[in-house]
Amino acid sequence: MADTIEIVTFNLKPGASRDDFLEKNKYVEQNLVSKMPGFKSRETAISDEGQVVVVLHWDKPESAQHSMDEFVKSSEPQEFQQLLDMDTFQMVRYVQVA
């Protein structure tokens, strides 16, 4: 099956520290997401306007969905999630064709 690319965008909550986000983001990547079955890679970037984009690569769509299901159930990333403006949260998955 073809690789799956997951693109997540969101803004930080007003008043959330960029440095705090980067610290918690690094923890989430190293200790949670990268340990999920089917994980390939993850990149995070922030625009000048403060919008965050996270691009994840998975071996298949089911791995991406499993990761999201586990992430939501876990209490570990709660401090990370509290920094996100969930009203701006968007996630789209694509199947790689080339």
C-alpha atoms as a PDB file:
ATOM      1  CA  MET A   1       0.000   0.000   0.000  1.00  0.00           C
ATOM      2  CA  ALA A   2       1.171   3.560  -0.702  1.00  0.00           C
ATOM      3  CA  ASP A   3       2.488   5.859   1.990  1.00  0.00           C
ATOM      4  CA  THR A   4       0.054   8.201   3.705  1.00  0.00           C
ATOM      5  CA  ILE A   5       0.818  11.876   4.210  1.00  0.00           C
ATOM      6  CA  GLU A   6      -1.060  13.622   6.996  1.00  0.00           C
ATOM      7  CA  ILE A   7      -1.107  17.414   7.112  1.00  0.00           C
ATOM      8  CA  VAL A   8      -2.290  19.107  10.292  1.00  0.00           C
ATOM      9  CA  THR A   9      -2.671  22.861  10.664  1.00  0.00           C
ATOM     10  CA  PHE A  10      -3.669  24.961  13.652  1.00  0.00           C
ATOM     11  CA  ASN A  11      -2.926  28.149  15.538  1.00  0.00           C
ATOM     12  CA  LEU A  12      -1.650  28.343  19.068  1.00  0.00           C
ATOM     13  CA  LYS A  13      -4.093  29.634  21.667  1.00  0.00           C
ATOM     14  CA  PRO A  14      -3.752  33.354  22.379  1.00  0.00           C
ATOM     15  CA  GLY A  15      -1.085  33.795  25.019  1.00  0.00           C
ATOM     16  CA  ALA A  16       0.481  30.375  24.431  1.00  0.00           C
ATOM     17  CA  SER A  17       4.258  30.571  24.393  1.00  0.00           C
ATOM     18  CA  ARG A  18       5.965  29.534  21.144  1.00  0.00           C
ATOM     19  CA  ASP A  19       8.916  28.198  23.164  1.00  0.00           C
ATOM     20  CA  ASP A  20       6.580  26.169  25.381  1.00  0.00           C
ATOM     21  CA  PHE A  21       4.893  24.770  22.277  1.00  0.00           C
ATOM     22  CA  LEU A  22       8.218  23.835  20.686  1.00  0.00           C
ATOM     23  CA  GLU A  23       9.340  22.060  23.854  1.00  0.00           C
ATOM     24  CA  LYS A  24       6.115  20.072  24.172  1.00  0.00           C
ATOM     25  CA  ASN A  25       6.011  19.406  20.429  1.00  0.00           C
ATOM     26  CA  LYS A  26       9.489  17.883  20.579  1.00  0.00           C
ATOM     27  CA  TYR A  27       8.444  15.684  23.503  1.00  0.00           C
ATOM     28  CA  VAL A  28       5.312  14.502  21.675  1.00  0.00           C
ATOM     29  CA  GLU A  29       7.327  13.647  18.576  1.00  0.00           C
ATOM     30  CA  GLN A  30      10.166  11.840  20.340  1.00  0.00           C
ATOM     31  CA  ASN A  31       8.179  10.007  23.004  1.00  0.00           C
ATOM     32  CA  LEU A  32       4.750   9.376  21.523  1.00  0.00           C
ATOM     33  CA  VAL A  33       4.200   9.783  17.800  1.00  0.00           C
ATOM     34  CA  SER A  34       7.501   8.315  16.625  1.00  0.00           C
ATOM     35  CA  LYS A  35       6.785   5.162  18.644  1.00  0.00           C
ATOM     36  CA  MET A  36       3.485   4.477  16.864  1.00  0.00           C
ATOM     37  CA  PRO A  37       3.323   1.548  14.431  1.00  0.00           C
ATOM     38  CA  GLY A  38       3.779   2.659  10.830  1.00  0.00           C
ATOM     39  CA  PHE A  39       5.415   5.999  11.686  1.00  0.00           C
ATOM     40  CA  LYS A  40       7.945   7.236   9.117  1.00  0.00           C
ATOM     41  CA  SER A  41       8.633  10.915   9.787  1.00  0.00           C
ATOM     42  CA  ARG A  42       7.230  14.166  11.176  1.00  0.00           C
ATOM     43  CA  GLU A  43       8.040  17.811  10.454  1.00  0.00           C
ATOM     44  CA  THR A  44       6.739  20.929  12.163  1.00  0.00           C
ATOM     45  CA  ALA A  45       6.875  24.525  10.905  1.00  0.00           C
ATOM     46  CA  ILE A  46       5.423  27.842  12.078  1.00  0.00           C
ATOM     47  CA  SER A  47       4.524  30.758   9.804  1.00  0.00           C
ATOM     48  CA  ASP A  48       5.263  34.391  10.620  1.00  0.00           C
ATOM     49  CA  GLU A  49       1.544  34.744  11.411  1.00  0.00           C
ATOM     50  CA  GLY A  50       1.743  31.943  13.972  1.00  0.00           C
ATOM     51  CA  GLN A  51       0.018  29.154  12.059  1.00  0.00           C
ATOM     52  CA  VAL A  52       1.542  25.745  12.723  1.00  0.00           C
ATOM     53  CA  VAL A  53       1.769  22.985  10.135  1.00  0.00           C
ATOM     54  CA  VAL A  54       2.732  19.431  11.007  1.00  0.00           C
ATOM     55  CA  VAL A  55       3.440  16.992   8.183  1.00  0.00           C
ATOM     56  CA  LEU A  56       3.505  13.314   9.077  1.00  0.00           C
ATOM     57  CA  HIS A  57       4.376  10.322   6.935  1.00  0.00           C
ATOM     58  CA  TRP A  58       2.856   6.920   7.679  1.00  0.00           C
ATOM     59  CA  ASP A  59       3.107   3.561   5.981  1.00  0.00           C
ATOM     60  CA  LYS A  60      -0.678   3.382   5.421  1.00  0.00           C
ATOM     61  CA  PRO A  61      -3.914   5.198   6.336  1.00  0.00           C
ATOM     62  CA  GLU A  62      -4.730   2.746   9.108  1.00  0.00           C
ATOM     63  CA  SER A  63      -1.487   3.607  10.915  1.00  0.00           C
ATOM     64  CA  ALA A  64      -2.311   7.316  10.734  1.00  0.00           C
ATOM     65  CA  GLN A  65      -5.797   6.703  12.134  1.00  0.00           C
ATOM     66  CA  HIS A  66      -4.493   4.411  14.884  1.00  0.00           C
ATOM     67  CA  SER A  67      -2.014   7.113  15.881  1.00  0.00           C
ATOM     68  CA  MET A  68      -4.752   9.748  16.148  1.00  0.00           C
ATOM     69  CA  ASP A  69      -7.004   7.397  18.132  1.00  0.00           C
ATOM     70  CA  GLU A  70      -4.213   6.631  20.611  1.00  0.00           C
ATOM     71  CA  PHE A  71      -3.120  10.271  20.825  1.00  0.00           C
ATOM     72  CA  VAL A  72      -6.615  11.429  21.756  1.00  0.00           C
ATOM     73  CA  LYS A  73      -7.024   8.689  24.401  1.00  0.00           C
ATOM     74  CA  SER A  74      -3.646   9.288  26.047  1.00  0.00           C
ATOM     75  CA  SER A  75      -3.296  11.646  28.986  1.00  0.00           C
ATOM     76  CA  GLU A  76       0.380  12.256  28.186  1.00  0.00           C
ATOM     77  CA  PRO A  77      -0.069  14.893  25.438  1.00  0.00           C
ATOM     78  CA  GLN A  78      -2.645  16.951  27.370  1.00  0.00           C
ATOM     79  CA  GLU A  79      -0.212  19.813  28.085  1.00  0.00           C
ATOM     80  CA  PHE A  80       0.615  19.896  24.379  1.00  0.00           C
ATOM     81  CA  GLN A  81      -3.057  19.879  23.354  1.00  0.00           C
ATOM     82  CA  GLN A  82      -3.883  22.703  25.775  1.00  0.00           C
ATOM     83  CA  LEU A  83      -1.663  25.013  23.711  1.00  0.00           C
ATOM     84  CA  LEU A  84      -3.646  24.425  20.497  1.00  0.00           C
ATOM     85  CA  ASP A  85      -6.568  26.538  19.347  1.00  0.00           C
ATOM     86  CA  MET A  86      -8.833  23.618  18.432  1.00  0.00           C
ATOM     87  CA  ASP A  87     -11.202  25.945  16.575  1.00  0.00           C
ATOM     88  CA  THR A  88      -8.450  26.321  13.955  1.00  0.00           C
ATOM     89  CA  PHE A  89      -7.391  22.641  13.918  1.00  0.00           C
ATOM     90  CA  GLN A  90      -7.591  20.918  10.529  1.00  0.00           C
ATOM     91  CA  MET A  91      -6.250  17.545   9.427  1.00  0.00           C
ATOM     92  CA  VAL A  92      -6.180  16.082   5.938  1.00  0.00           C
ATOM     93  CA  ARG A  93      -4.738  12.743   4.832  1.00  0.00           C
ATOM     94  CA  TYR A  94      -3.426  11.990   1.371  1.00  0.00           C
ATOM     95  CA  VAL A  95      -2.284   8.757  -0.254  1.00  0.00           C
ATOM     96  CA  GLN A  96       1.032   9.236  -2.003  1.00  0.00           C
ATOM     97  CA  VAL A  97       0.805   8.550  -5.744  1.00  0.00           C
ATOM     98  CA  ALA A  98       4.319   9.389  -6.915  1.00  0.00           C
END
